[in-house]
C-alpha atoms as a PDB file:
ATOM      1  CA  MET A   1     104.959 119.642  81.638  1.00  0.00           C
ATOM      2  CA  ALA A   2     106.258 117.188  79.023  1.00  0.00           C
ATOM      3  CA  PHE A   3     106.782 113.493  80.715  1.00  0.00           C
ATOM      4  CA  SER A   4     110.486 112.757  79.017  1.00  0.00           C
ATOM      5  CA  LYS A   5     111.530 109.458  78.180  1.00  0.00           C
ATOM      6  CA  GLU A   6     113.794 109.133  81.307  1.00  0.00           C
ATOM      7  CA  ASN A   7     110.503 109.496  83.604  1.00  0.00           C
ATOM      8  CA  LEU A   8     108.184 107.026  81.034  1.00  0.00           C
ATOM      9  CA  ILE A   9     111.603 104.186  81.990  1.00  0.00           C
ATOM     10  CA  GLY A  10     110.774 105.143  85.498  1.00  0.00           C
ATOM     11  CA  PHE A  11     107.566 104.978  86.001  1.00  0.00           C
ATOM     12  CA  ALA A  12     107.626 101.730  84.150  1.00  0.00           C
ATOM     13  CA  LEU A  13     109.728 100.003  86.351  1.00  0.00           C
ATOM     14  CA  ALA A  14     108.059 101.740  89.508  1.00  0.00           C
ATOM     15  CA  LEU A  15     104.625 100.154  88.282  1.00  0.00           C
ATOM     16  CA  SER A  16     106.441  96.864  87.898  1.00  0.00           C
ATOM     17  CA  SER A  17     107.863  96.911  91.357  1.00  0.00           C
ATOM     18  CA  SER A  18     104.566  97.908  93.086  1.00  0.00           C
ATOM     19  CA  LEU A  19     103.324  94.417  91.932  1.00  0.00           C
ATOM     20  CA  PHE A  20     106.067  92.329  93.186  1.00  0.00           C
ATOM     21  CA  ILE A  21     105.985  94.129  96.683  1.00  0.00           C
ATOM     22  CA  GLY A  22     102.251  94.352  97.062  1.00  0.00           C
ATOM     23  CA  ALA A  23     102.526  90.397  96.548  1.00  0.00           C
ATOM     24  CA  SER A  24     105.531  89.903  98.406  1.00  0.00           C
ATOM     25  CA  PHE A  25     103.366  91.375 101.544  1.00  0.00           C
ATOM     26  CA  ILE A  26     101.377  88.356 101.367  1.00  0.00           C
ATOM     27  CA  ILE A  27     103.424  85.768 100.906  1.00  0.00           C
ATOM     28  CA  LYS A  28     105.670  86.895 103.873  1.00  0.00           C
ATOM     29  CA  LYS A  29     102.762  86.762 106.039  1.00  0.00           C
ATOM     30  CA  LYS A  30     102.060  83.372 104.885  1.00  0.00           C
ATOM     31  CA  GLY A  31     105.395  82.388 105.599  1.00  0.00           C
ATOM     32  CA  LEU A  32     105.731  83.815 108.716  1.00  0.00           C
ATOM     33  CA  TRP A  33     101.976  82.377 109.878  1.00  0.00           C
ATOM     34  CA  LYS A  34     103.474  78.946 108.920  1.00  0.00           C
ATOM     35  CA  ALA A  35     106.908  79.832 110.725  1.00  0.00           C
ATOM     36  CA  ALA A  36     105.250  80.421 114.288  1.00  0.00           C
ATOM     37  CA  ALA A  37     103.302  77.035 114.366  1.00  0.00           C
ATOM     38  CA  SER A  38     107.048  75.750 115.127  1.00  0.00           C
ATOM     39  CA  GLY A  39     108.653  78.321 116.105  1.00  0.00           C
ATOM     40  CA  VAL A  40     108.678  81.832 118.195  1.00  0.00           C
ATOM     41  CA  ARG A  41     107.323  84.671 116.651  1.00  0.00           C
ATOM     42  CA  ALA A  42     108.849  87.337 114.573  1.00  0.00           C
ATOM     43  CA  GLY A  43     106.813  89.988 116.627  1.00  0.00           C
ATOM     44  CA  LEU A  44     107.961  88.727 119.822  1.00  0.00           C
ATOM     45  CA  GLY A  45     111.578  88.367 118.703  1.00  0.00           C
ATOM     46  CA  GLY A  46     112.087  84.833 116.986  1.00  0.00           C
ATOM     47  CA  TYR A  47     113.834  84.157 113.861  1.00  0.00           C
ATOM     48  CA  SER A  48     112.507  80.620 112.830  1.00  0.00           C
ATOM     49  CA  TYR A  49     110.687  82.314 109.619  1.00  0.00           C
ATOM     50  CA  LEU A  50     114.190  82.267 108.289  1.00  0.00           C
ATOM     51  CA  LEU A  51     114.038  78.337 107.908  1.00  0.00           C
ATOM     52  CA  GLU A  52     110.695  78.745 106.399  1.00  0.00           C
ATOM     53  CA  PRO A  53     110.865  78.175 102.678  1.00  0.00           C
ATOM     54  CA  LEU A  54     107.675  80.407 101.617  1.00  0.00           C
ATOM     55  CA  TRP A  55     109.274  83.538 103.888  1.00  0.00           C
ATOM     56  CA  TRP A  56     112.565  83.083 101.714  1.00  0.00           C
ATOM     57  CA  LEU A  57     109.770  82.941  98.630  1.00  0.00           C
ATOM     58  CA  GLY A  58     108.217  86.550  99.588  1.00  0.00           C
ATOM     59  CA  MET A  59     111.391  88.092  99.925  1.00  0.00           C
ATOM     60  CA  ILE A  60     112.566  86.936  96.769  1.00  0.00           C
ATOM     61  CA  THR A  61     109.284  88.402  95.544  1.00  0.00           C
ATOM     62  CA  MET A  62     110.268  91.502  97.420  1.00  0.00           C
ATOM     63  CA  ILE A  63     113.595  91.627  96.509  1.00  0.00           C
ATOM     64  CA  VAL A  64     112.751  91.416  92.383  1.00  0.00           C
ATOM     65  CA  GLY A  65     110.677  94.595  93.340  1.00  0.00           C
ATOM     66  CA  GLU A  66     112.653  96.421  95.343  1.00  0.00           C
ATOM     67  CA  VAL A  67     115.897  96.274  92.714  1.00  0.00           C
ATOM     68  CA  ALA A  68     113.163  97.310  89.975  1.00  0.00           C
ATOM     69  CA  ASN A  69     112.237 100.409  92.151  1.00  0.00           C
ATOM     70  CA  CYS A  70     116.333 100.904  92.929  1.00  0.00           C
ATOM     71  CA  VAL A  71     116.745 101.072  88.833  1.00  0.00           C
ATOM     72  CA  ALA A  72     113.494 103.425  88.479  1.00  0.00           C
ATOM     73  CA  TYR A  73     115.359 106.054  91.277  1.00  0.00           C
ATOM     74  CA  ALA A  74     118.054 106.519  88.626  1.00  0.00           C
ATOM     75  CA  PHE A  75     115.638 107.352  85.667  1.00  0.00           C
ATOM     76  CA  ALA A  76     112.838 109.507  87.588  1.00  0.00           C
ATOM     77  CA  PRO A  77     112.384 111.770  90.348  1.00  0.00           C
ATOM     78  CA  ALA A  78     111.184 110.371  93.819  1.00  0.00           C
ATOM     79  CA  VAL A  79     108.131 112.853  94.008  1.00  0.00           C
ATOM     80  CA  LEU A  80     107.507 110.640  91.051  1.00  0.00           C
ATOM     81  CA  VAL A  81     108.685 107.093  91.700  1.00  0.00           C
ATOM     82  CA  THR A  82     107.773 106.701  95.578  1.00  0.00           C
ATOM     83  CA  PRO A  83     103.619 107.899  95.608  1.00  0.00           C
ATOM     84  CA  LEU A  84     102.756 104.636  92.689  1.00  0.00           C
ATOM     85  CA  GLY A  85     104.011 102.714  96.064  1.00  0.00           C
ATOM     86  CA  ALA A  86      99.926 102.963  96.391  1.00  0.00           C
ATOM     87  CA  LEU A  87      99.878 100.292  93.682  1.00  0.00           C
ATOM     88  CA  SER A  88     101.107  97.612  95.952  1.00  0.00           C
ATOM     89  CA  ILE A  89      98.751  98.918  98.655  1.00  0.00           C
ATOM     90  CA  ILE A  90      96.212  98.104  96.072  1.00  0.00           C
ATOM     91  CA  VAL A  91      97.651  94.667  95.268  1.00  0.00           C
ATOM     92  CA  SER A  92      98.434  93.833  98.727  1.00  0.00           C
ATOM     93  CA  ALA A  93      94.983  94.718  99.731  1.00  0.00           C
ATOM     94  CA  VAL A  94      93.324  92.728  97.213  1.00  0.00           C
ATOM     95  CA  LEU A  95      95.412  89.508  97.537  1.00  0.00           C
ATOM     96  CA  ALA A  96      94.477  89.493 101.061  1.00  0.00           C
ATOM     97  CA  HIS A  97      90.961  89.698 100.888  1.00  0.00           C
ATOM     98  CA  PHE A  98      91.205  86.162  98.421  1.00  0.00           C
ATOM     99  CA  THR A  99      94.025  84.346 100.316  1.00  0.00           C
ATOM    100  CA  LEU A 100      94.330  85.592 103.748  1.00  0.00           C
ATOM    101  CA  LYS A 101      90.350  86.200 103.984  1.00  0.00           C
ATOM    102  CA  GLU A 102      91.134  89.779 105.331  1.00  0.00           C
ATOM    103  CA  THR A 103      87.349  91.689 104.017  1.00  0.00           C
ATOM    104  CA  LEU A 104      87.834  94.543 101.301  1.00  0.00           C
ATOM    105  CA  ASN A 105      84.219  95.647 100.671  1.00  0.00           C
ATOM    106  CA  LYS A 106      82.894  98.405  97.848  1.00  0.00           C
ATOM    107  CA  LEU A 107      84.775 101.639 100.618  1.00  0.00           C
ATOM    108  CA  GLY A 108      87.809  99.226  99.888  1.00  0.00           C
ATOM    109  CA  VAL A 109      87.778  99.221  96.061  1.00  0.00           C
ATOM    110  CA  LEU A 110      86.812 103.301  96.404  1.00  0.00           C
ATOM    111  CA  GLY A 111      90.004 103.722  97.974  1.00  0.00           C
ATOM    112  CA  CYS A 112      91.969 101.905  95.441  1.00  0.00           C
ATOM    113  CA  LEU A 113      90.389 103.871  92.697  1.00  0.00           C
ATOM    114  CA  MET A 114      91.139 106.789  94.880  1.00  0.00           C
ATOM    115  CA  CYS A 115      94.853 105.841  95.195  1.00  0.00           C
ATOM    116  CA  ILE A 116      94.780 105.133  91.323  1.00  0.00           C
ATOM    117  CA  ILE A 117      93.820 108.709  90.699  1.00  0.00           C
ATOM    118  CA  GLY A 118      96.066 110.419  92.433  1.00  0.00           C
ATOM    119  CA  SER A 119      98.777 108.360  91.497  1.00  0.00           C
ATOM    120  CA  VAL A 120      97.622 109.581  87.307  1.00  0.00           C
ATOM    121  CA  ILE A 121      97.883 113.604  89.090  1.00  0.00           C
ATOM    122  CA  ILE A 122     101.010 113.513  90.501  1.00  0.00           C
ATOM    123  CA  VAL A 123     102.839 110.934  87.101  1.00  0.00           C
ATOM    124  CA  ILE A 124     101.316 113.978  84.686  1.00  0.00           C
ATOM    125  CA  HIS A 125     102.518 116.478  86.935  1.00  0.00           C
ATOM    126  CA  ALA A 126     105.812 114.785  87.954  1.00  0.00           C
ATOM    127  CA  PRO A 127     109.014 117.047  87.477  1.00  0.00           C
ATOM    128  CA  GLN A 128     111.509 116.498  85.364  1.00  0.00           C
ATOM    129  CA  GLU A 129     114.746 115.186  86.866  1.00  0.00           C
ATOM    130  CA  HIS A 130     117.786 117.168  87.177  1.00  0.00           C
ATOM    131  CA  PRO A 131     121.059 115.869  85.043  1.00  0.00           C
ATOM    132  CA  ILE A 132     123.636 114.749  87.655  1.00  0.00           C
ATOM    133  CA  THR A 133     127.294 113.960  85.944  1.00  0.00           C
ATOM    134  CA  SER A 134     129.140 112.759  89.075  1.00  0.00           C
ATOM    135  CA  VAL A 135     128.435 111.004  92.333  1.00  0.00           C
ATOM    136  CA  LEU A 136     130.646 113.766  93.720  1.00  0.00           C
ATOM    137  CA  GLU A 137     127.602 116.307  92.933  1.00  0.00           C
ATOM    138  CA  ILE A 138     125.260 114.038  94.844  1.00  0.00           C
ATOM    139  CA  TRP A 139     127.859 114.259  97.352  1.00  0.00           C
ATOM    140  CA  GLN A 140     127.583 117.556  97.976  1.00  0.00           C
ATOM    141  CA  MET A 141     123.499 117.400  98.167  1.00  0.00           C
ATOM    142  CA  ALA A 142     123.841 114.803 100.787  1.00  0.00           C
ATOM    143  CA  THR A 143     126.286 117.465 102.738  1.00  0.00           C
ATOM    144  CA  GLN A 144     124.151 120.081 102.746  1.00  0.00           C
ATOM    145  CA  LYS A 145     123.101 121.741 105.759  1.00  0.00           C
ATOM    146  CA  ALA A 146     119.559 121.046 105.531  1.00  0.00           C
ATOM    147  CA  PHE A 147     119.897 117.203 104.804  1.00  0.00           C
ATOM    148  CA  LEU A 148     122.322 117.018 107.619  1.00  0.00           C
ATOM    149  CA  LEU A 149     119.831 118.403 109.749  1.00  0.00           C
ATOM    150  CA  TYR A 150     117.003 115.983 108.623  1.00  0.00           C
ATOM    151  CA  VAL A 151     119.504 112.850 109.034  1.00  0.00           C
ATOM    152  CA  GLY A 152     120.224 113.937 112.409  1.00  0.00           C
ATOM    153  CA  SER A 153     116.544 114.300 113.366  1.00  0.00           C
ATOM    154  CA  VAL A 154     115.936 110.540 111.946  1.00  0.00           C
ATOM    155  CA  ILE A 155     118.812 109.077 113.976  1.00  0.00           C
ATOM    156  CA  VAL A 156     117.372 111.102 117.104  1.00  0.00           C
ATOM    157  CA  LEU A 157     113.657 109.475 116.004  1.00  0.00           C
ATOM    158  CA  VAL A 158     114.877 106.201 115.555  1.00  0.00           C
ATOM    159  CA  SER A 159     116.990 105.655 118.576  1.00  0.00           C
ATOM    160  CA  ILE A 160     113.995 106.923 120.628  1.00  0.00           C
ATOM    161  CA  LEU A 161     111.654 104.384 119.157  1.00  0.00           C
ATOM    162  CA  THR A 162     114.026 101.554 119.102  1.00  0.00           C
ATOM    163  CA  ILE A 163     115.156 101.706 122.871  1.00  0.00           C
ATOM    164  CA  HIS A 164     111.761 103.246 124.171  1.00  0.00           C
ATOM    165  CA  PHE A 165     108.749 102.754 122.280  1.00  0.00           C
ATOM    166  CA  ALA A 166     109.461  99.256 120.625  1.00  0.00           C
ATOM    167  CA  PRO A 167     109.823  97.110 124.132  1.00  0.00           C
ATOM    168  CA  MET A 168     107.676  99.299 125.932  1.00  0.00           C
ATOM    169  CA  CYS A 169     104.551  99.373 123.128  1.00  0.00           C
ATOM    170  CA  GLY A 170     105.816  98.089 120.310  1.00  0.00           C
ATOM    171  CA  HIS A 171     103.455  95.069 120.175  1.00  0.00           C
ATOM    172  CA  THR A 172     100.231  97.355 120.784  1.00  0.00           C
ATOM    173  CA  ASN A 173     100.838 100.457 118.785  1.00  0.00           C
ATOM    174  CA  VAL A 174     101.283  99.648 114.744  1.00  0.00           C
ATOM    175  CA  LEU A 175     102.686 103.321 114.543  1.00  0.00           C
ATOM    176  CA  VAL A 176     106.245 102.250 116.635  1.00  0.00           C
ATOM    177  CA  PHE A 177     107.610  99.512 113.978  1.00  0.00           C
ATOM    178  CA  THR A 178     106.210 101.268 110.815  1.00  0.00           C
ATOM    179  CA  GLY A 179     107.615 104.047 112.133  1.00  0.00           C
ATOM    180  CA  ILE A 180     111.189 102.742 112.384  1.00  0.00           C
ATOM    181  CA  CYS A 181     110.971 101.477 109.262  1.00  0.00           C
ATOM    182  CA  SER A 182     109.536 104.686 107.282  1.00  0.00           C
ATOM    183  CA  LEU A 183     111.969 106.960 108.614  1.00  0.00           C
ATOM    184  CA  MET A 184     115.397 104.370 107.843  1.00  0.00           C
ATOM    185  CA  GLY A 185     113.444 104.183 104.137  1.00  0.00           C
ATOM    186  CA  SER A 186     113.559 107.530 103.753  1.00  0.00           C
ATOM    187  CA  LEU A 187     117.481 107.570 104.422  1.00  0.00           C
ATOM    188  CA  SER A 188     117.736 103.816 102.281  1.00  0.00           C
ATOM    189  CA  VAL A 189     115.675 105.820  99.081  1.00  0.00           C
ATOM    190  CA  MET A 190     118.151 108.519  99.099  1.00  0.00           C
ATOM    191  CA  SER A 191     121.495 106.638  98.997  1.00  0.00           C
ATOM    192  CA  VAL A 192     119.688 104.337  96.976  1.00  0.00           C
ATOM    193  CA  LYS A 193     118.797 106.661  94.461  1.00  0.00           C
ATOM    194  CA  ALA A 194     123.111 108.069  94.650  1.00  0.00           C
ATOM    195  CA  LEU A 195     123.628 104.673  94.163  1.00  0.00           C
ATOM    196  CA  GLY A 196     121.444 103.899  91.242  1.00  0.00           C
ATOM    197  CA  ILE A 197     122.811 107.394  89.542  1.00  0.00           C
ATOM    198  CA  SER A 198     126.165 106.069  90.216  1.00  0.00           C
ATOM    199  CA  LEU A 199     126.234 103.012  88.507  1.00  0.00           C
ATOM    200  CA  LYS A 200     123.892 104.305  85.762  1.00  0.00           C
ATOM    201  CA  LEU A 201     126.826 106.773  84.865  1.00  0.00           C
ATOM    202  CA  THR A 202     128.952 103.528  85.504  1.00  0.00           C
ATOM    203  CA  PHE A 203     127.864 101.610  82.950  1.00  0.00           C
ATOM    204  CA  GLU A 204     127.644 104.246  80.518  1.00  0.00           C
ATOM    205  CA  GLY A 205     131.267 104.457  80.231  1.00  0.00           C
ATOM    206  CA  ASN A 206     131.923 107.156  83.335  1.00  0.00           C
ATOM    207  CA  ASN A 207     132.917 105.459  86.245  1.00  0.00           C
ATOM    208  CA  GLN A 208     131.860 106.052  89.421  1.00  0.00           C
ATOM    209  CA  LEU A 209     132.814 103.256  91.467  1.00  0.00           C
ATOM    210  CA  ILE A 210     136.541 104.852  91.958  1.00  0.00           C
ATOM    211  CA  TYR A 211     134.790 107.095  94.201  1.00  0.00           C
ATOM    212  CA  PRO A 212     134.635 106.748  98.146  1.00  0.00           C
ATOM    213  CA  GLU A 213     131.292 108.330  98.107  1.00  0.00           C
ATOM    214  CA  SER A 214     129.595 105.672  96.068  1.00  0.00           C
ATOM    215  CA  TRP A 215     130.614 102.875  98.746  1.00  0.00           C
ATOM    216  CA  PHE A 216     129.580 104.866 101.691  1.00  0.00           C
ATOM    217  CA  PHE A 217     126.031 105.104 100.179  1.00  0.00           C
ATOM    218  CA  MET A 218     126.042 101.262  99.452  1.00  0.00           C
ATOM    219  CA  ILE A 219     126.745 100.926 103.284  1.00  0.00           C
ATOM    220  CA  VAL A 220     123.871 103.281 104.011  1.00  0.00           C
ATOM    221  CA  VAL A 221     121.880 101.283 102.033  1.00  0.00           C
ATOM    222  CA  THR A 222     122.781  98.178 103.352  1.00  0.00           C
ATOM    223  CA  THR A 223     122.526  99.314 106.855  1.00  0.00           C
ATOM    224  CA  CYS A 224     119.108 100.723 106.486  1.00  0.00           C
ATOM    225  CA  VAL A 225     117.034  98.206 104.460  1.00  0.00           C
ATOM    226  CA  ILE A 226     118.522  95.417 106.633  1.00  0.00           C
ATOM    227  CA  THR A 227     117.104  97.733 109.942  1.00  0.00           C
ATOM    228  CA  GLN A 228     113.640  98.070 107.571  1.00  0.00           C
ATOM    229  CA  MET A 229     113.272  94.138 106.978  1.00  0.00           C
ATOM    230  CA  ASN A 230     113.798  93.433 110.227  1.00  0.00           C
ATOM    231  CA  TYR A 231     110.938  95.938 112.100  1.00  0.00           C
ATOM    232  CA  LEU A 232     108.343  94.895 108.887  1.00  0.00           C
ATOM    233  CA  ASN A 233     108.745  91.408 109.851  1.00  0.00           C
ATOM    234  CA  LYS A 234     107.958  92.592 113.299  1.00  0.00           C
ATOM    235  CA  ALA A 235     105.025  94.969 111.657  1.00  0.00           C
ATOM    236  CA  LEU A 236     103.283  92.131 109.800  1.00  0.00           C
ATOM    237  CA  ASP A 237     103.654  89.137 112.303  1.00  0.00           C
ATOM    238  CA  THR A 238     101.939  91.294 115.119  1.00  0.00           C
ATOM    239  CA  PHE A 239      99.523  93.584 113.251  1.00  0.00           C
ATOM    240  CA  SER A 240      96.621  92.927 109.915  1.00  0.00           C
ATOM    241  CA  THR A 241      98.260  93.324 107.221  1.00  0.00           C
ATOM    242  CA  VAL A 242      95.612  95.730 105.880  1.00  0.00           C
ATOM    243  CA  VAL A 243      96.370  97.715 108.354  1.00  0.00           C
ATOM    244  CA  VAL A 244     100.407  98.067 107.800  1.00  0.00           C
ATOM    245  CA  SER A 245     100.322  98.241 104.675  1.00  0.00           C
ATOM    246  CA  PRO A 246      98.789 101.572 103.956  1.00  0.00           C
ATOM    247  CA  ILE A 247      99.862 103.158 107.389  1.00  0.00           C
ATOM    248  CA  TYR A 248     103.860 102.266 105.954  1.00  0.00           C
ATOM    249  CA  TYR A 249     103.295 103.669 102.964  1.00  0.00           C
ATOM    250  CA  VAL A 250     101.489 106.752 104.335  1.00  0.00           C
ATOM    251  CA  MET A 251     104.710 107.606 106.552  1.00  0.00           C
ATOM    252  CA  PHE A 252     106.989 106.267 104.106  1.00  0.00           C
ATOM    253  CA  THR A 253     105.937 108.038 101.044  1.00  0.00           C
ATOM    254  CA  THR A 254     105.765 111.295 102.973  1.00  0.00           C
ATOM    255  CA  LEU A 255     109.075 111.174 104.642  1.00  0.00           C
ATOM    256  CA  THR A 256     110.937 110.376 101.477  1.00  0.00           C
ATOM    257  CA  ILE A 257     109.316 113.034  99.693  1.00  0.00           C
ATOM    258  CA  LEU A 258     110.323 115.193 102.000  1.00  0.00           C
ATOM    259  CA  ALA A 259     114.198 113.745 102.109  1.00  0.00           C
ATOM    260  CA  SER A 260     113.635 114.234  98.454  1.00  0.00           C
ATOM    261  CA  VAL A 261     113.127 117.780  98.414  1.00  0.00           C
ATOM    262  CA  ILE A 262     115.119 118.991 100.817  1.00  0.00           C
ATOM    263  CA  MET A 263     117.934 116.713  99.546  1.00  0.00           C
ATOM    264  CA  PHE A 264     117.758 116.800  95.442  1.00  0.00           C
ATOM    265  CA  LYS A 265     115.547 119.901  95.227  1.00  0.00           C
ATOM    266  CA  ASP A 266     112.959 118.200  93.087  1.00  0.00           C
ATOM    267  CA  TRP A 267     110.463 120.864  93.079  1.00  0.00           C
ATOM    268  CA  ASP A 268     112.969 123.974  92.038  1.00  0.00           C
ATOM    269  CA  GLY A 269     111.963 125.232  88.773  1.00  0.00           C
ATOM    270  CA  GLN A 270     108.125 124.052  88.787  1.00  0.00           C
ATOM    271  CA  SER A 271     105.795 126.667  89.172  1.00  0.00           C
ATOM    272  CA  GLY A 272     103.755 127.238  92.173  1.00  0.00           C
ATOM    273  CA  ALA A 273     100.615 125.907  90.465  1.00  0.00           C
ATOM    274  CA  THR A 274     102.003 122.789  89.552  1.00  0.00           C
ATOM    275  CA  ILE A 275     103.973 121.665  92.792  1.00  0.00           C
ATOM    276  CA  VAL A 276     100.170 122.176  94.621  1.00  0.00           C
ATOM    277  CA  THR A 277      98.751 119.906  91.977  1.00  0.00           C
ATOM    278  CA  GLU A 278     101.375 117.509  92.899  1.00  0.00           C
ATOM    279  CA  ILE A 279     100.524 117.843  96.430  1.00  0.00           C
ATOM    280  CA  CYS A 280      96.730 117.531  95.855  1.00  0.00           C
ATOM    281  CA  GLY A 281      97.132 114.321  93.993  1.00  0.00           C
ATOM    282  CA  PHE A 282      99.229 112.966  96.811  1.00  0.00           C
ATOM    283  CA  ILE A 283      96.651 113.722  98.952  1.00  0.00           C
ATOM    284  CA  VAL A 284      94.704 112.181  97.431  1.00  0.00           C
ATOM    285  CA  VAL A 285      96.777 108.988  97.185  1.00  0.00           C
ATOM    286  CA  LEU A 286      96.856 109.378 101.279  1.00  0.00           C
ATOM    287  CA  SER A 287      92.906 109.706 101.498  1.00  0.00           C
ATOM    288  CA  GLY A 288      92.632 106.192  99.273  1.00  0.00           C
ATOM    289  CA  THR A 289      94.968 104.450 101.151  1.00  0.00           C
ATOM    290  CA  ILE A 290      93.512 105.608 105.080  1.00  0.00           C
ATOM    291  CA  LEU A 291      90.053 104.547 103.448  1.00  0.00           C
ATOM    292  CA  LEU A 292      91.298 101.114 102.483  1.00  0.00           C
ATOM    293  CA  GLN A 293      92.660 100.539 105.820  1.00  0.00           C
ATOM    294  CA  MET A 294      89.332 101.359 107.503  1.00  0.00           C
ATOM    295  CA  THR A 295      87.354  98.583 105.138  1.00  0.00           C
ATOM    296  CA  LYS A 296      87.006  95.553 107.336  1.00  0.00           C
ATOM    297  CA  ASP A 297      83.287  95.537 108.413  1.00  0.00           C
ATOM    298  CA  THR A 298      82.330  94.646 112.408  1.00  0.00           C
ATOM    299  CA  GLU A 299      83.114  91.051 112.718  1.00  0.00           C
ATOM    300  CA  ARG A 300      82.317  89.229 115.914  1.00  0.00           C
ATOM    301  CA  LEU A 301      84.664  86.206 115.845  1.00  0.00           C
ATOM    302  CA  PRO A 302      84.585  83.075 118.603  1.00  0.00           C
ATOM    303  CA  SER A 303      87.034  84.007 121.781  1.00  0.00           C
ATOM    304  CA  VAL A 304      89.201  81.238 123.208  1.00  0.00           C
ATOM    305  CA  LYS A 305      85.866  81.066 126.286  1.00  0.00           C
ATOM    306  CA  GLY A 306      83.178  80.990 123.404  1.00  0.00           C
ATOM    307  CA  ALA A 307      82.797  84.623 123.847  1.00  0.00           C
ATOM    308  CA  TYR A 308      82.873  87.039 121.173  1.00  0.00           C
ATOM    309  CA  LEU A 309      85.538  89.768 120.073  1.00  0.00           C
ATOM    310  CA  ALA A 310      84.131  92.411 118.888  1.00  0.00           C
ATOM    311  CA  VAL A 311      86.327  93.768 115.608  1.00  0.00           C
ATOM    312  CA  SER A 312      86.229  97.681 114.754  1.00  0.00           C
ATOM    313  CA  PRO A 313      86.992  99.033 111.720  1.00  0.00           C
ATOM    314  CA  THR A 314      87.989 102.342 112.913  1.00  0.00           C
ATOM    315  CA  LEU A 315      91.636 103.183 113.063  1.00  0.00           C
ATOM    316  CA  SER A 316      92.114 104.187 116.454  1.00  0.00           C
ATOM    317  CA  ALA A 317      90.989 100.332 117.281  1.00  0.00           C
ATOM    318  CA  ARG A 318      93.538  99.133 115.322  1.00  0.00           C
ATOM    319  CA  LEU A 319      96.339 101.252 116.064  1.00  0.00           C
ATOM    320  CA  TYR A 320      96.192 100.022 119.693  1.00  0.00           C
ATOM    321  CA  THR A 321      95.438  96.340 120.636  1.00  0.00           C
ATOM    322  CA  SER A 322      95.307  95.029 123.854  1.00  0.00           C
ATOM    323  CA  ASN A 323      98.314  92.962 125.746  1.00  0.00           C
ATOM    324  CA  SER A 324      97.015  91.749 128.269  1.00  0.00           C
ATOM    325  CA  GLU A 325      95.094  90.271 126.407  1.00  0.00           C
ATOM    326  CA  ILE A 326      96.876  88.454 123.708  1.00  0.00           C
ATOM    327  CA  GLN A 327      99.074  87.311 126.831  1.00  0.00           C
ATOM    328  CA  LYS A 328      95.903  85.970 128.422  1.00  0.00           C
ATOM    329  CA  TYR A 329      95.160  84.026 124.722  1.00  0.00           C
ATOM    330  CA  ASP A 330      99.138  82.443 125.044  1.00  0.00           C
ATOM    331  CA  GLU A 331      98.361  81.110 128.826  1.00  0.00           C
ATOM    332  CA  GLU A 332      94.943  79.732 127.496  1.00  0.00           C
ATOM    333  CA  ASP A 333      96.235  78.205 124.686  1.00  0.00           C
ATOM    334  CA  ALA A 334      99.028  76.521 126.654  1.00  0.00           C
ATOM    335  CA  GLU A 335      96.475  74.701 128.765  1.00  0.00           C
ATOM    336  CA  ASN A 336      94.166  74.142 125.927  1.00  0.00           C
ATOM    337  CA  PRO A 337      96.358  71.882 123.263  1.00  0.00           C
ATOM    338  CA  THR A 338      93.630  71.776 120.443  1.00  0.00           C
ATOM    339  CA  LEU A 339      94.058  75.769 119.730  1.00  0.00           C
ATOM    340  CA  SER A 340      96.085  75.353 116.483  1.00  0.00           C
ATOM    341  CA  CYS A 341      98.892  78.137 116.237  1.00  0.00           C
ATOM    342  CA  LEU A 342      97.223  79.667 113.085  1.00  0.00           C
ATOM    343  CA  ASP A 343      93.857  80.460 115.527  1.00  0.00           C
ATOM    344  CA  LYS A 344      96.444  82.591 117.836  1.00  0.00           C
ATOM    345  CA  THR A 345      97.770  84.420 115.021  1.00  0.00           C
ATOM    346  CA  ARG A 346      94.825  85.426 113.666  1.00  0.00           C
ATOM    347  CA  PHE A 347      93.409  86.827 116.955  1.00  0.00           C
ATOM    348  CA  VAL A 348      96.821  88.908 117.180  1.00  0.00           C
ATOM    349  CA  SER A 349      96.669  90.306 113.496  1.00  0.00           C
ATOM    350  CA  LEU A 350      92.901  91.344 114.082  1.00  0.00           C
ATOM    351  CA  ASN A 351      93.576  93.349 116.951  1.00  0.00           C
END
């Protein structure tokens, strides 16, 4: 399929977005570390990071990336734009290796290459954007039964995760916080795309802001983004960046593509072979991100009492941490003032 001009614009915007967002993960992480030295950690419900300039620099960087991403959705389908987020994983993994001392070995490099190859496959076979002339057309798509069922399922799952699982195992299972971010993110992307198309048509002279549907999508975007940022901060502060980034990407991308296929019918008009090729490209990207998160070599770090803590490179070991160990560490840290807060943060992030 020919690569249209609008798809090319969307691709360029998505690429620049990945660079900014990938860097923002690292900047925000360092800001959270600094904030933890003078207040309650974000992972434990604290908001001292709001007073940390470095965290705000990361937030501004992320906003720039998200704005570019939003505009990209106005030009290209989500099936093209969303998987390119894998490039932000590469950026964050490489920066984490050099600035946060989170190991990226040869397998990690292979994972990066797989993400790039998968992204190229998706870009080449991306569907053309269906022309939309009014926000009312998008509203009809958003109110179809299939998509309303998806929205209802997301609301139910987010409610269960937030009310039941987050207090119980949110700090020991990375899937809880990232799951909430991903589910809400899939709805925010659909609303961002709707709002982006609305603004694009408005700038072209066809005012869409006179319709209440445009403002409704704006409210949904605001609500979803605030929720995402809150739980993403908790995830980043509690778990290693090398773990959070790929898992968040895999869940977020999968759910977003599913939502887009349901709402915008992205695959309508494409041949079965093209769709299968896109799915294969997506699987290559997913495999690359999984490989990336398993790149840490087995390390032995000195613990509080001088013993050694084995850090497993496996996925299962990183998904679950011992809450009792963290609590024990906090108690011993209180008795021993010579332990720095940075050491404690490193202990939590490595689990």
